[in-house]
PDB file of N, CA and C in Angstrom:
ATOM      1  N   MET A   1     -60.064  12.549  29.748  1.00  0.00           N
ATOM      2  CA  MET A   1     -60.841  11.828  30.750  1.00  0.00           C
ATOM      3  C   MET A   1     -62.348  12.111  30.607  1.00  0.00           C
ATOM      4  N   GLY A   2     -62.698  13.265  30.049  1.00  0.00           N
ATOM      5  CA  GLY A   2     -64.105  13.617  29.953  1.00  0.00           C
ATOM      6  C   GLY A   2     -64.932  12.676  29.065  1.00  0.00           C
ATOM      7  N   ILE A   3     -64.376  12.276  27.906  1.00  0.00           N
ATOM      8  CA  ILE A   3     -65.054  11.415  27.020  1.00  0.00           C
ATOM      9  C   ILE A   3     -65.272  10.034  27.604  1.00  0.00           C
ATOM     10  N   ILE A   4     -64.326   9.583  28.367  1.00  0.00           N
ATOM     11  CA  ILE A   4     -64.411   8.227  29.021  1.00  0.00           C
ATOM     12  C   ILE A   4     -65.534   8.284  30.097  1.00  0.00           C
ATOM     13  N   THR A   5     -65.573   9.416  30.796  1.00  0.00           N
ATOM     14  CA  THR A   5     -66.615   9.607  31.812  1.00  0.00           C
ATOM     15  C   THR A   5     -67.965   9.576  31.170  1.00  0.00           C
ATOM     16  N   TRP A   6     -68.117  10.288  30.040  1.00  0.00           N
ATOM     17  CA  TRP A   6     -69.424  10.286  29.359  1.00  0.00           C
ATOM     18  C   TRP A   6     -69.804   8.916  28.841  1.00  0.00           C
ATOM     19  N   ILE A   7     -68.853   8.147  28.375  1.00  0.00           N
ATOM     20  CA  ILE A   7     -69.146   6.780  27.953  1.00  0.00           C
ATOM     21  C   ILE A   7     -69.623   5.927  29.076  1.00  0.00           C
ATOM     22  N   ILE A   8     -68.966   6.041  30.194  1.00  0.00           N
ATOM     23  CA  ILE A   8     -69.396   5.254  31.370  1.00  0.00           C
ATOM     24  C   ILE A   8     -70.754   5.704  31.870  1.00  0.00           C
ATOM     25  N   VAL A   9     -70.969   7.015  31.988  1.00  0.00           N
ATOM     26  CA  VAL A   9     -72.260   7.558  32.363  1.00  0.00           C
ATOM     27  C   VAL A   9     -73.293   7.148  31.370  1.00  0.00           C
ATOM     28  N   GLY A  10     -72.968   7.150  30.078  1.00  0.00           N
ATOM     29  CA  GLY A  10     -73.890   6.747  29.039  1.00  0.00           C
ATOM     30  C   GLY A  10     -74.281   5.292  29.113  1.00  0.00           C
ATOM     31  N   LEU A  11     -73.360   4.423  29.469  1.00  0.00           N
ATOM     32  CA  LEU A  11     -73.671   3.003  29.617  1.00  0.00           C
ATOM     33  C   LEU A  11     -74.676   2.836  30.771  1.00  0.00           C
ATOM     34  N   ILE A  12     -74.413   3.510  31.890  1.00  0.00           N
ATOM     35  CA  ILE A  12     -75.365   3.444  33.025  1.00  0.00           C
ATOM     36  C   ILE A  12     -76.719   4.033  32.614  1.00  0.00           C
ATOM     37  N   ALA A  13     -76.665   5.219  31.955  1.00  0.00           N
ATOM     38  CA  ALA A  13     -77.884   5.871  31.603  1.00  0.00           C
ATOM     39  C   ALA A  13     -78.694   5.020  30.600  1.00  0.00           C
ATOM     40  N   GLY A  14     -78.026   4.379  29.674  1.00  0.00           N
ATOM     41  CA  GLY A  14     -78.727   3.516  28.740  1.00  0.00           C
ATOM     42  C   GLY A  14     -79.448   2.348  29.402  1.00  0.00           C
ATOM     43  N   ALA A  15     -78.803   1.730  30.386  1.00  0.00           N
ATOM     44  CA  ALA A  15     -79.434   0.662  31.134  1.00  0.00           C
ATOM     45  C   ALA A  15     -80.591   1.127  31.955  1.00  0.00           C
ATOM     46  N   ILE A  16     -80.495   2.324  32.563  1.00  0.00           N
ATOM     47  CA  ILE A  16     -81.545   2.891  33.330  1.00  0.00           C
ATOM     48  C   ILE A  16     -82.749   3.311  32.411  1.00  0.00           C
ATOM     49  N   ALA A  17     -82.371   3.904  31.274  1.00  0.00           N
ATOM     50  CA  ALA A  17     -83.423   4.327  30.294  1.00  0.00           C
ATOM     51  C   ALA A  17     -84.203   3.119  29.817  1.00  0.00           C
ATOM     52  N   LYS A  18     -83.491   2.006  29.607  1.00  0.00           N
ATOM     53  CA  LYS A  18     -84.190   0.732  29.216  1.00  0.00           C
ATOM     54  C   LYS A  18     -85.161   0.284  30.267  1.00  0.00           C
ATOM     55  N   ALA A  19     -84.766   0.475  31.561  1.00  0.00           N
ATOM     56  CA  ALA A  19     -85.653   0.074  32.666  1.00  0.00           C
ATOM     57  C   ALA A  19     -86.877   1.061  32.761  1.00  0.00           C
ATOM     58  N   ILE A  20     -86.612   2.332  32.531  1.00  0.00           N
ATOM     59  CA  ILE A  20     -87.682   3.361  32.613  1.00  0.00           C
ATOM     60  C   ILE A  20     -88.627   3.190  31.426  1.00  0.00           C
ATOM     61  N   HIS A  21     -88.068   2.920  30.273  1.00  0.00           N
ATOM     62  CA  HIS A  21     -88.862   2.886  29.081  1.00  0.00           C
ATOM     63  C   HIS A  21     -88.785   1.438  28.456  1.00  0.00           C
ATOM     64  N   PRO A  22     -89.387   0.473  29.140  1.00  0.00           N
ATOM     65  CA  PRO A  22     -89.245  -0.912  28.727  1.00  0.00           C
ATOM     66  C   PRO A  22     -89.993  -1.201  27.430  1.00  0.00           C
ATOM     67  N   GLY A  23     -89.679  -2.271  26.822  1.00  0.00           N
ATOM     68  CA  GLY A  23     -90.331  -2.679  25.591  1.00  0.00           C
ATOM     69  C   GLY A  23     -89.332  -3.341  24.653  1.00  0.00           C
ATOM     70  N   LYS A  24     -89.846  -3.841  23.568  1.00  0.00           N
ATOM     71  CA  LYS A  24     -89.008  -4.513  22.632  1.00  0.00           C
ATOM     72  C   LYS A  24     -88.370  -3.451  21.720  1.00  0.00           C
ATOM     73  N   ASP A  25     -87.023  -3.426  21.696  1.00  0.00           N
ATOM     74  CA  ASP A  25     -86.291  -2.502  20.872  1.00  0.00           C
ATOM     75  C   ASP A  25     -85.951  -3.161  19.538  1.00  0.00           C
ATOM     76  N   PRO A  26     -86.031  -2.390  18.478  1.00  0.00           N
ATOM     77  CA  PRO A  26     -85.630  -2.937  17.189  1.00  0.00           C
ATOM     78  C   PRO A  26     -84.185  -3.349  17.112  1.00  0.00           C
ATOM     79  N   GLY A  27     -83.291  -2.767  17.888  1.00  0.00           N
ATOM     80  CA  GLY A  27     -81.880  -3.028  17.828  1.00  0.00           C
ATOM     81  C   GLY A  27     -81.336  -3.847  18.955  1.00  0.00           C
ATOM     82  N   GLY A  28     -82.109  -4.094  19.975  1.00  0.00           N
ATOM     83  CA  GLY A  28     -81.676  -4.900  21.094  1.00  0.00           C
ATOM     84  C   GLY A  28     -80.941  -4.039  22.159  1.00  0.00           C
ATOM     85  N   PHE A  29     -80.328  -4.756  23.100  1.00  0.00           N
ATOM     86  CA  PHE A  29     -79.748  -4.112  24.278  1.00  0.00           C
ATOM     87  C   PHE A  29     -78.484  -3.328  23.875  1.00  0.00           C
ATOM     88  N   ILE A  30     -77.719  -3.761  22.940  1.00  0.00           N
ATOM     89  CA  ILE A  30     -76.510  -3.049  22.507  1.00  0.00           C
ATOM     90  C   ILE A  30     -76.837  -1.704  21.923  1.00  0.00           C
ATOM     91  N   VAL A  31     -77.840  -1.646  21.075  1.00  0.00           N
ATOM     92  CA  VAL A  31     -78.281  -0.358  20.518  1.00  0.00           C
ATOM     93  C   VAL A  31     -78.833   0.523  21.623  1.00  0.00           C
ATOM     94  N   THR A  32     -79.513  -0.023  22.633  1.00  0.00           N
ATOM     95  CA  THR A  32     -79.980   0.824  23.759  1.00  0.00           C
ATOM     96  C   THR A  32     -78.850   1.430  24.522  1.00  0.00           C
ATOM     97  N   ILE A  33     -77.763   0.670  24.706  1.00  0.00           N
ATOM     98  CA  ILE A  33     -76.609   1.190  25.371  1.00  0.00           C
ATOM     99  C   ILE A  33     -75.950   2.295  24.541  1.00  0.00           C
ATOM    100  N   LEU A  34     -75.837   2.093  23.219  1.00  0.00           N
ATOM    101  CA  LEU A  34     -75.291   3.125  22.366  1.00  0.00           C
ATOM    102  C   LEU A  34     -76.133   4.389  22.356  1.00  0.00           C
ATOM    103  N   ILE A  35     -77.461   4.173  22.409  1.00  0.00           N
ATOM    104  CA  ILE A  35     -78.375   5.368  22.563  1.00  0.00           C
ATOM    105  C   ILE A  35     -78.147   6.056  23.892  1.00  0.00           C
ATOM    106  N   GLY A  36     -77.864   5.291  24.933  1.00  0.00           N
ATOM    107  CA  GLY A  36     -77.557   5.852  26.245  1.00  0.00           C
ATOM    108  C   GLY A  36     -76.355   6.726  26.197  1.00  0.00           C
ATOM    109  N   ILE A  37     -75.292   6.276  25.508  1.00  0.00           N
ATOM    110  CA  ILE A  37     -74.069   7.072  25.378  1.00  0.00           C
ATOM    111  C   ILE A  37     -74.381   8.345  24.566  1.00  0.00           C
ATOM    112  N   ALA A  38     -75.121   8.223  23.474  1.00  0.00           N
ATOM    113  CA  ALA A  38     -75.472   9.393  22.674  1.00  0.00           C
ATOM    114  C   ALA A  38     -76.413  10.335  23.502  1.00  0.00           C
ATOM    115  N   GLY A  39     -77.295   9.755  24.282  1.00  0.00           N
ATOM    116  CA  GLY A  39     -78.179  10.560  25.138  1.00  0.00           C
ATOM    117  C   GLY A  39     -77.371  11.326  26.194  1.00  0.00           C
ATOM    118  N   ALA A  40     -76.334  10.728  26.726  1.00  0.00           N
ATOM    119  CA  ALA A  40     -75.486  11.429  27.702  1.00  0.00           C
ATOM    120  C   ALA A  40     -74.810  12.608  27.033  1.00  0.00           C
ATOM    121  N   VAL A  41     -74.313  12.420  25.867  1.00  0.00           N
ATOM    122  CA  VAL A  41     -73.651  13.546  25.156  1.00  0.00           C
ATOM    123  C   VAL A  41     -74.656  14.627  24.804  1.00  0.00           C
ATOM    124  N   VAL A  42     -75.780  14.251  24.177  1.00  0.00           N
ATOM    125  CA  VAL A  42     -76.807  15.234  23.793  1.00  0.00           C
ATOM    126  C   VAL A  42     -77.386  15.905  24.987  1.00  0.00           C
ATOM    127  N   GLY A  43     -77.685  15.173  26.037  1.00  0.00           N
ATOM    128  CA  GLY A  43     -78.233  15.741  27.290  1.00  0.00           C
ATOM    129  C   GLY A  43     -77.251  16.738  27.895  1.00  0.00           C
ATOM    130  N   GLY A  44     -75.989  16.400  27.896  1.00  0.00           N
ATOM    131  CA  GLY A  44     -74.991  17.344  28.439  1.00  0.00           C
ATOM    132  C   GLY A  44     -74.898  18.594  27.609  1.00  0.00           C
ATOM    133  N   TRP A  45     -74.967  18.431  26.314  1.00  0.00           N
ATOM    134  CA  TRP A  45     -74.864  19.582  25.419  1.00  0.00           C
ATOM    135  C   TRP A  45     -76.109  20.494  25.589  1.00  0.00           C
ATOM    136  N   ILE A  46     -77.289  19.929  25.609  1.00  0.00           N
ATOM    137  CA  ILE A  46     -78.536  20.700  25.797  1.00  0.00           C
ATOM    138  C   ILE A  46     -78.539  21.398  27.174  1.00  0.00           C
ATOM    139  N   SER A  47     -78.091  20.687  28.172  1.00  0.00           N
ATOM    140  CA  SER A  47     -78.035  21.273  29.535  1.00  0.00           C
ATOM    141  C   SER A  47     -77.092  22.497  29.541  1.00  0.00           C
ATOM    142  N   SER A  48     -75.991  22.377  28.873  1.00  0.00           N
ATOM    143  CA  SER A  48     -75.023  23.490  28.798  1.00  0.00           C
ATOM    144  C   SER A  48     -75.626  24.647  27.991  1.00  0.00           C
ATOM    145  N   MET A  49     -76.338  24.338  26.920  1.00  0.00           N
ATOM    146  CA  MET A  49     -76.939  25.409  26.093  1.00  0.00           C
ATOM    147  C   MET A  49     -78.046  26.106  26.795  1.00  0.00           C
ATOM    148  N   LEU A  50     -78.793  25.432  27.655  1.00  0.00           N
ATOM    149  CA  LEU A  50     -79.861  26.053  28.406  1.00  0.00           C
ATOM    150  C   LEU A  50     -79.388  26.862  29.612  1.00  0.00           C
ATOM    151  N   GLY A  51     -78.097  26.829  29.870  1.00  0.00           N
ATOM    152  CA  GLY A  51     -77.557  27.618  30.947  1.00  0.00           C
ATOM    153  C   GLY A  51     -77.490  26.994  32.287  1.00  0.00           C
ATOM    154  N   TYR A  52     -77.688  25.676  32.343  1.00  0.00           N
ATOM    155  CA  TYR A  52     -77.607  24.950  33.607  1.00  0.00           C
ATOM    156  C   TYR A  52     -76.168  24.657  34.015  1.00  0.00           C
ATOM    157  N   GLY A  53     -75.212  25.178  33.263  1.00  0.00           N
ATOM    158  CA  GLY A  53     -73.824  24.943  33.573  1.00  0.00           C
ATOM    159  C   GLY A  53     -73.303  23.724  32.865  1.00  0.00           C
ATOM    160  N   THR A  54     -72.019  23.524  32.943  1.00  0.00           N
ATOM    161  CA  THR A  54     -71.419  22.366  32.283  1.00  0.00           C
ATOM    162  C   THR A  54     -71.690  21.140  33.083  1.00  0.00           C
ATOM    163  N   VAL A  55     -71.906  20.052  32.434  1.00  0.00           N
ATOM    164  CA  VAL A  55     -72.111  18.780  33.100  1.00  0.00           C
ATOM    165  C   VAL A  55     -70.858  17.979  32.911  1.00  0.00           C
ATOM    166  N   ASP A  56     -70.157  17.766  34.002  1.00  0.00           N
ATOM    167  CA  ASP A  56     -68.888  17.006  33.873  1.00  0.00           C
ATOM    168  C   ASP A  56     -68.682  16.159  35.146  1.00  0.00           C
ATOM    169  N   GLY A  57     -67.978  15.125  34.913  1.00  0.00           N
ATOM    170  CA  GLY A  57     -67.698  14.234  36.052  1.00  0.00           C
ATOM    171  C   GLY A  57     -68.813  13.253  36.304  1.00  0.00           C
ATOM    172  N   PHE A  58     -68.628  12.430  37.221  1.00  0.00           N
ATOM    173  CA  PHE A  58     -69.653  11.408  37.555  1.00  0.00           C
ATOM    174  C   PHE A  58     -70.300  11.850  38.859  1.00  0.00           C
ATOM    175  N   ASN A  59     -71.465  12.444  38.716  1.00  0.00           N
ATOM    176  CA  ASN A  59     -72.287  12.889  39.847  1.00  0.00           C
ATOM    177  C   ASN A  59     -73.769  12.720  39.537  1.00  0.00           C
ATOM    178  N   ILE A  60     -74.568  13.031  40.528  1.00  0.00           N
ATOM    179  CA  ILE A  60     -76.027  12.811  40.365  1.00  0.00           C
ATOM    180  C   ILE A  60     -76.592  13.681  39.262  1.00  0.00           C
ATOM    181  N   GLY A  61     -76.164  14.917  39.170  1.00  0.00           N
ATOM    182  CA  GLY A  61     -76.654  15.805  38.107  1.00  0.00           C
ATOM    183  C   GLY A  61     -76.336  15.302  36.737  1.00  0.00           C
ATOM    184  N   SER A  62     -75.089  14.869  36.534  1.00  0.00           N
ATOM    185  CA  SER A  62     -74.658  14.325  35.250  1.00  0.00           C
ATOM    186  C   SER A  62     -75.478  13.102  34.884  1.00  0.00           C
ATOM    187  N   LEU A  63     -75.670  12.243  35.813  1.00  0.00           N
ATOM    188  CA  LEU A  63     -76.400  10.988  35.607  1.00  0.00           C
ATOM    189  C   LEU A  63     -77.867  11.321  35.287  1.00  0.00           C
ATOM    190  N   PHE A  64     -78.466  12.260  35.940  1.00  0.00           N
ATOM    191  CA  PHE A  64     -79.865  12.648  35.647  1.00  0.00           C
ATOM    192  C   PHE A  64     -79.985  13.182  34.273  1.00  0.00           C
ATOM    193  N   VAL A  65     -79.127  14.050  33.891  1.00  0.00           N
ATOM    194  CA  VAL A  65     -79.157  14.658  32.533  1.00  0.00           C
ATOM    195  C   VAL A  65     -78.926  13.534  31.489  1.00  0.00           C
ATOM    196  N   ALA A  66     -77.982  12.646  31.731  1.00  0.00           N
ATOM    197  CA  ALA A  66     -77.727  11.546  30.788  1.00  0.00           C
ATOM    198  C   ALA A  66     -78.942  10.642  30.679  1.00  0.00           C
ATOM    199  N   ILE A  67     -79.592  10.322  31.774  1.00  0.00           N
ATOM    200  CA  ILE A  67     -80.759   9.450  31.700  1.00  0.00           C
ATOM    201  C   ILE A  67     -81.891  10.137  30.946  1.00  0.00           C
ATOM    202  N   LEU A  68     -82.078  11.412  31.218  1.00  0.00           N
ATOM    203  CA  LEU A  68     -83.115  12.167  30.504  1.00  0.00           C
ATOM    204  C   LEU A  68     -82.838  12.182  29.003  1.00  0.00           C
ATOM    205  N   GLY A  69     -81.604  12.472  28.642  1.00  0.00           N
ATOM    206  CA  GLY A  69     -81.249  12.467  27.212  1.00  0.00           C
ATOM    207  C   GLY A  69     -81.417  11.071  26.598  1.00  0.00           C
ATOM    208  N   ALA A  70     -81.060  10.031  27.298  1.00  0.00           N
ATOM    209  CA  ALA A  70     -81.170   8.669  26.804  1.00  0.00           C
ATOM    210  C   ALA A  70     -82.616   8.287  26.614  1.00  0.00           C
ATOM    211  N   VAL A  71     -83.502   8.634  27.593  1.00  0.00           N
ATOM    212  CA  VAL A  71     -84.915   8.309  27.459  1.00  0.00           C
ATOM    213  C   VAL A  71     -85.517   9.010  26.263  1.00  0.00           C
ATOM    214  N   ILE A  72     -85.158  10.259  26.039  1.00  0.00           N
ATOM    215  CA  ILE A  72     -85.697  11.042  24.899  1.00  0.00           C
ATOM    216  C   ILE A  72     -85.196  10.408  23.593  1.00  0.00           C
ATOM    217  N   LEU A  73     -83.928  10.121  23.488  1.00  0.00           N
ATOM    218  CA  LEU A  73     -83.419   9.489  22.269  1.00  0.00           C
ATOM    219  C   LEU A  73     -83.993   8.119  22.050  1.00  0.00           C
ATOM    220  N   LEU A  74     -84.204   7.350  23.118  1.00  0.00           N
ATOM    221  CA  LEU A  74     -84.777   6.007  22.981  1.00  0.00           C
ATOM    222  C   LEU A  74     -86.224   6.100  22.478  1.00  0.00           C
ATOM    223  N   PHE A  75     -86.967   7.099  22.939  1.00  0.00           N
ATOM    224  CA  PHE A  75     -88.329   7.302  22.507  1.00  0.00           C
ATOM    225  C   PHE A  75     -88.339   7.661  20.996  1.00  0.00           C
ATOM    226  N   ILE A  76     -87.458   8.605  20.612  1.00  0.00           N
ATOM    227  CA  ILE A  76     -87.404   9.015  19.207  1.00  0.00           C
ATOM    228  C   ILE A  76     -86.957   7.823  18.346  1.00  0.00           C
ATOM    229  N   TYR A  77     -85.958   7.071  18.796  1.00  0.00           N
ATOM    230  CA  TYR A  77     -85.508   5.898  18.038  1.00  0.00           C
ATOM    231  C   TYR A  77     -86.606   4.915  17.784  1.00  0.00           C
ATOM    232  N   ARG A  78     -87.385   4.639  18.832  1.00  0.00           N
ATOM    233  CA  ARG A  78     -88.479   3.645  18.654  1.00  0.00           C
ATOM    234  C   ARG A  78     -89.552   4.163  17.710  1.00  0.00           C
ATOM    235  N   LYS A  79     -89.822   5.450  17.719  1.00  0.00           N
ATOM    236  CA  LYS A  79     -90.809   5.993  16.784  1.00  0.00           C
ATOM    237  C   LYS A  79     -90.408   5.862  15.343  1.00  0.00           C
ATOM    238  N   PHE A  80     -89.137   6.146  15.070  1.00  0.00           N
ATOM    239  CA  PHE A  80     -88.673   6.114  13.665  1.00  0.00           C
ATOM    240  C   PHE A  80     -88.277   4.640  13.246  1.00  0.00           C
ATOM    241  N   ALA A  81     -87.803   3.852  14.170  1.00  0.00           N
ATOM    242  CA  ALA A  81     -87.378   2.469  13.788  1.00  0.00           C
ATOM    243  C   ALA A  81     -88.567   1.567  13.543  1.00  0.00           C
ATOM    244  N   THR A  82     -89.688   1.807  14.126  1.00  0.00           N
ATOM    245  CA  THR A  82     -90.835   0.936  14.010  1.00  0.00           C
ATOM    246  C   THR A  82     -91.712   1.266  12.787  1.00  0.00           C
ATOM    247  N   ARG A  83     -91.443   2.374  12.127  1.00  0.00           N
ATOM    248  CA  ARG A  83     -92.254   2.808  10.962  1.00  0.00           C
ATOM    249  C   ARG A  83     -91.780   2.140   9.683  1.00  0.00           C
ATOM    250  N   SER A  84     -90.707   1.424   9.641  1.00  0.00           N
ATOM    251  CA  SER A  84     -90.216   0.904   8.397  1.00  0.00           C
ATOM    252  C   SER A  84     -90.961  -0.286   7.880  1.00  0.00           C
TER     253      SER A  84
END
């Protein structure tokens, strides 16, 4: 159930990250959603490594960490994707 929760949280986080960090993406909305899912996973992993506890389930803390991870990954993606 955990991976399904992270996918759902990642979908929401990707959409919110797109709203927070608007602009033309090289990959479009689908890539932004995939980055949101990856941001949720990476954000949860980093949060756990920094000692903030495990991030599990669908709650405000998990959503915040997922959004933060998605915004960071979206920023990095745009920096590297636009240089080609």
